[in-house]
N, C-alpha and C. Protein backbone atom coordinates (compact mmCIF):
# COMPACT_ATOMS: atom_id res chain seq x y z
N MET A 1 13.18 6.97 -9.23
CA MET A 1 13.20 8.02 -8.22
C MET A 1 12.28 9.17 -8.62
N LEU A 2 12.30 9.51 -9.89
CA LEU A 2 11.44 10.58 -10.37
C LEU A 2 9.97 10.23 -10.16
N PHE A 3 9.62 8.97 -10.36
CA PHE A 3 8.24 8.52 -10.15
C PHE A 3 7.78 8.82 -8.73
N PHE A 4 8.61 8.51 -7.74
CA PHE A 4 8.23 8.72 -6.35
C PHE A 4 8.20 10.20 -5.97
N LYS A 5 9.08 10.98 -6.55
CA LYS A 5 9.04 12.43 -6.30
C LYS A 5 7.77 13.04 -6.89
N LEU A 6 7.36 12.54 -8.05
CA LEU A 6 6.12 13.00 -8.65
C LEU A 6 4.92 12.62 -7.77
N ILE A 7 4.93 11.44 -7.22
CA ILE A 7 3.86 11.01 -6.30
C ILE A 7 3.82 11.93 -5.09
N ASP A 8 4.98 12.25 -4.53
CA ASP A 8 5.03 13.19 -3.39
C ASP A 8 4.38 14.52 -3.75
N LEU A 9 4.74 15.06 -4.88
CA LEU A 9 4.21 16.35 -5.31
C LEU A 9 2.69 16.28 -5.50
N CYS A 10 2.21 15.25 -6.15
CA CYS A 10 0.77 15.09 -6.37
C CYS A 10 0.03 14.92 -5.04
N PHE A 11 0.61 14.16 -4.14
CA PHE A 11 -0.02 13.91 -2.84
C PHE A 11 -0.17 15.22 -2.06
N ILE A 12 0.87 16.00 -2.07
CA ILE A 12 0.85 17.28 -1.34
C ILE A 12 -0.13 18.26 -1.99
N SER A 13 -0.11 18.36 -3.30
CA SER A 13 -0.95 19.35 -3.98
C SER A 13 -2.43 18.95 -4.04
N ASP A 14 -2.74 17.68 -3.86
CA ASP A 14 -4.13 17.23 -3.95
C ASP A 14 -4.77 17.03 -2.58
N GLY A 15 -4.07 17.33 -1.54
CA GLY A 15 -4.66 17.18 -0.21
C GLY A 15 -4.68 15.76 0.31
N GLY A 16 -3.91 14.89 -0.26
CA GLY A 16 -3.74 13.56 0.29
C GLY A 16 -4.71 12.50 -0.18
N ARG A 17 -5.27 12.62 -1.37
CA ARG A 17 -6.18 11.59 -1.88
C ARG A 17 -5.51 10.84 -3.01
N LEU A 18 -4.94 9.68 -2.71
CA LEU A 18 -4.23 8.88 -3.70
C LEU A 18 -5.09 8.52 -4.90
N GLU A 19 -6.34 8.19 -4.65
CA GLU A 19 -7.21 7.74 -5.74
C GLU A 19 -7.45 8.80 -6.79
N ASN A 20 -7.17 10.07 -6.48
CA ASN A 20 -7.36 11.15 -7.45
C ASN A 20 -6.23 11.26 -8.47
N PHE A 21 -5.06 10.72 -8.16
CA PHE A 21 -3.95 10.88 -9.10
C PHE A 21 -3.18 9.60 -9.39
N LEU A 22 -3.45 8.54 -8.66
CA LEU A 22 -2.73 7.29 -8.86
C LEU A 22 -3.70 6.24 -9.39
N PRO A 23 -3.56 5.87 -10.66
CA PRO A 23 -4.50 4.90 -11.23
C PRO A 23 -4.31 3.53 -10.57
N PRO A 24 -5.34 2.69 -10.64
CA PRO A 24 -5.16 1.32 -10.13
C PRO A 24 -3.98 0.65 -10.84
N LEU A 25 -3.24 -0.15 -10.12
CA LEU A 25 -2.04 -0.79 -10.67
C LEU A 25 -2.36 -1.60 -11.92
N GLU A 26 -3.45 -2.33 -11.92
CA GLU A 26 -3.80 -3.16 -13.08
C GLU A 26 -4.00 -2.29 -14.33
N TYR A 27 -4.63 -1.15 -14.15
CA TYR A 27 -4.85 -0.22 -15.26
C TYR A 27 -3.51 0.31 -15.78
N PHE A 28 -2.64 0.65 -14.85
CA PHE A 28 -1.32 1.19 -15.19
C PHE A 28 -0.51 0.16 -15.97
N LEU A 29 -0.52 -1.10 -15.50
CA LEU A 29 0.28 -2.14 -16.14
C LEU A 29 -0.25 -2.57 -17.50
N GLU A 30 -1.45 -2.15 -17.85
CA GLU A 30 -2.01 -2.47 -19.16
C GLU A 30 -1.88 -1.31 -20.15
N ALA A 31 -1.27 -0.22 -19.73
CA ALA A 31 -1.15 0.97 -20.58
C ALA A 31 -0.27 0.67 -21.79
N PRO A 32 -0.77 0.91 -23.00
CA PRO A 32 0.01 0.63 -24.21
C PRO A 32 1.27 1.49 -24.31
N GLU A 33 1.30 2.61 -23.62
CA GLU A 33 2.49 3.49 -23.65
C GLU A 33 3.72 2.81 -23.05
N LEU A 34 3.52 1.78 -22.27
CA LEU A 34 4.66 1.09 -21.65
C LEU A 34 5.39 0.17 -22.62
N GLY A 35 4.77 -0.12 -23.75
CA GLY A 35 5.42 -0.95 -24.76
C GLY A 35 5.80 -2.32 -24.21
N GLU A 36 7.05 -2.69 -24.40
CA GLU A 36 7.54 -4.01 -24.00
C GLU A 36 7.66 -4.17 -22.49
N LEU A 37 7.64 -3.08 -21.75
CA LEU A 37 7.73 -3.18 -20.29
C LEU A 37 6.54 -3.94 -19.70
N ILE A 38 5.41 -3.93 -20.40
CA ILE A 38 4.22 -4.62 -19.93
C ILE A 38 4.53 -6.09 -19.65
N ASP A 39 5.37 -6.70 -20.48
CA ASP A 39 5.68 -8.13 -20.35
C ASP A 39 6.85 -8.42 -19.42
N SER A 40 7.51 -7.40 -18.92
CA SER A 40 8.68 -7.59 -18.07
C SER A 40 8.26 -7.91 -16.63
N LYS A 41 8.62 -9.10 -16.17
CA LYS A 41 8.29 -9.51 -14.80
C LYS A 41 9.02 -8.63 -13.78
N SER A 42 10.22 -8.20 -14.10
CA SER A 42 10.98 -7.32 -13.20
C SER A 42 10.28 -5.98 -13.05
N PHE A 43 9.81 -5.42 -14.16
CA PHE A 43 9.10 -4.14 -14.12
C PHE A 43 7.81 -4.28 -13.33
N GLN A 44 7.06 -5.35 -13.58
CA GLN A 44 5.81 -5.59 -12.85
C GLN A 44 6.08 -5.70 -11.34
N TYR A 45 7.14 -6.41 -10.99
CA TYR A 45 7.49 -6.56 -9.58
C TYR A 45 7.82 -5.20 -8.95
N LEU A 46 8.64 -4.41 -9.64
CA LEU A 46 9.02 -3.10 -9.11
C LEU A 46 7.81 -2.18 -8.97
N MET A 47 6.89 -2.23 -9.91
CA MET A 47 5.70 -1.40 -9.82
C MET A 47 4.79 -1.86 -8.68
N ARG A 48 4.65 -3.15 -8.49
CA ARG A 48 3.84 -3.66 -7.37
C ARG A 48 4.47 -3.25 -6.04
N LEU A 49 5.77 -3.38 -5.96
CA LEU A 49 6.49 -2.98 -4.75
C LEU A 49 6.34 -1.47 -4.52
N GLY A 50 6.47 -0.70 -5.57
CA GLY A 50 6.32 0.76 -5.47
C GLY A 50 4.92 1.15 -5.02
N TYR A 51 3.90 0.53 -5.60
CA TYR A 51 2.53 0.83 -5.22
C TYR A 51 2.28 0.46 -3.76
N GLU A 52 2.81 -0.68 -3.35
CA GLU A 52 2.66 -1.09 -1.95
C GLU A 52 3.30 -0.07 -1.02
N HIS A 53 4.48 0.38 -1.37
CA HIS A 53 5.19 1.38 -0.57
C HIS A 53 4.40 2.69 -0.52
N ILE A 54 3.89 3.11 -1.66
CA ILE A 54 3.12 4.36 -1.73
C ILE A 54 1.89 4.27 -0.83
N HIS A 55 1.16 3.17 -0.93
CA HIS A 55 -0.06 3.04 -0.14
C HIS A 55 0.24 2.95 1.35
N GLU A 56 1.32 2.31 1.72
CA GLU A 56 1.71 2.24 3.14
C GLU A 56 2.21 3.60 3.64
N SER A 57 2.96 4.29 2.82
CA SER A 57 3.55 5.57 3.23
C SER A 57 2.53 6.69 3.33
N TYR A 58 1.53 6.68 2.47
CA TYR A 58 0.57 7.77 2.40
C TYR A 58 -0.79 7.39 2.96
N GLN A 59 -0.84 6.31 3.69
CA GLN A 59 -2.11 5.86 4.29
C GLN A 59 -2.63 6.95 5.23
N THR A 60 -3.85 7.39 4.97
CA THR A 60 -4.49 8.37 5.84
C THR A 60 -5.63 7.70 6.56
N ASN A 61 -5.63 7.85 7.86
CA ASN A 61 -6.69 7.21 8.66
C ASN A 61 -7.68 8.24 9.13
């Protein structure tokens, strides 16, 4: 939940440009700071789902 609230805050403060504050998912999932989560299929699924939701919710046309 905190992750999505942070995305909301960044989106509002940056004028609506996702690419300025949200790294590509592949880059995020390779981050060494995630430790063992990198190998977790459940975590990968949740992050993919979250990214999909973010991109659909904040799509600017």
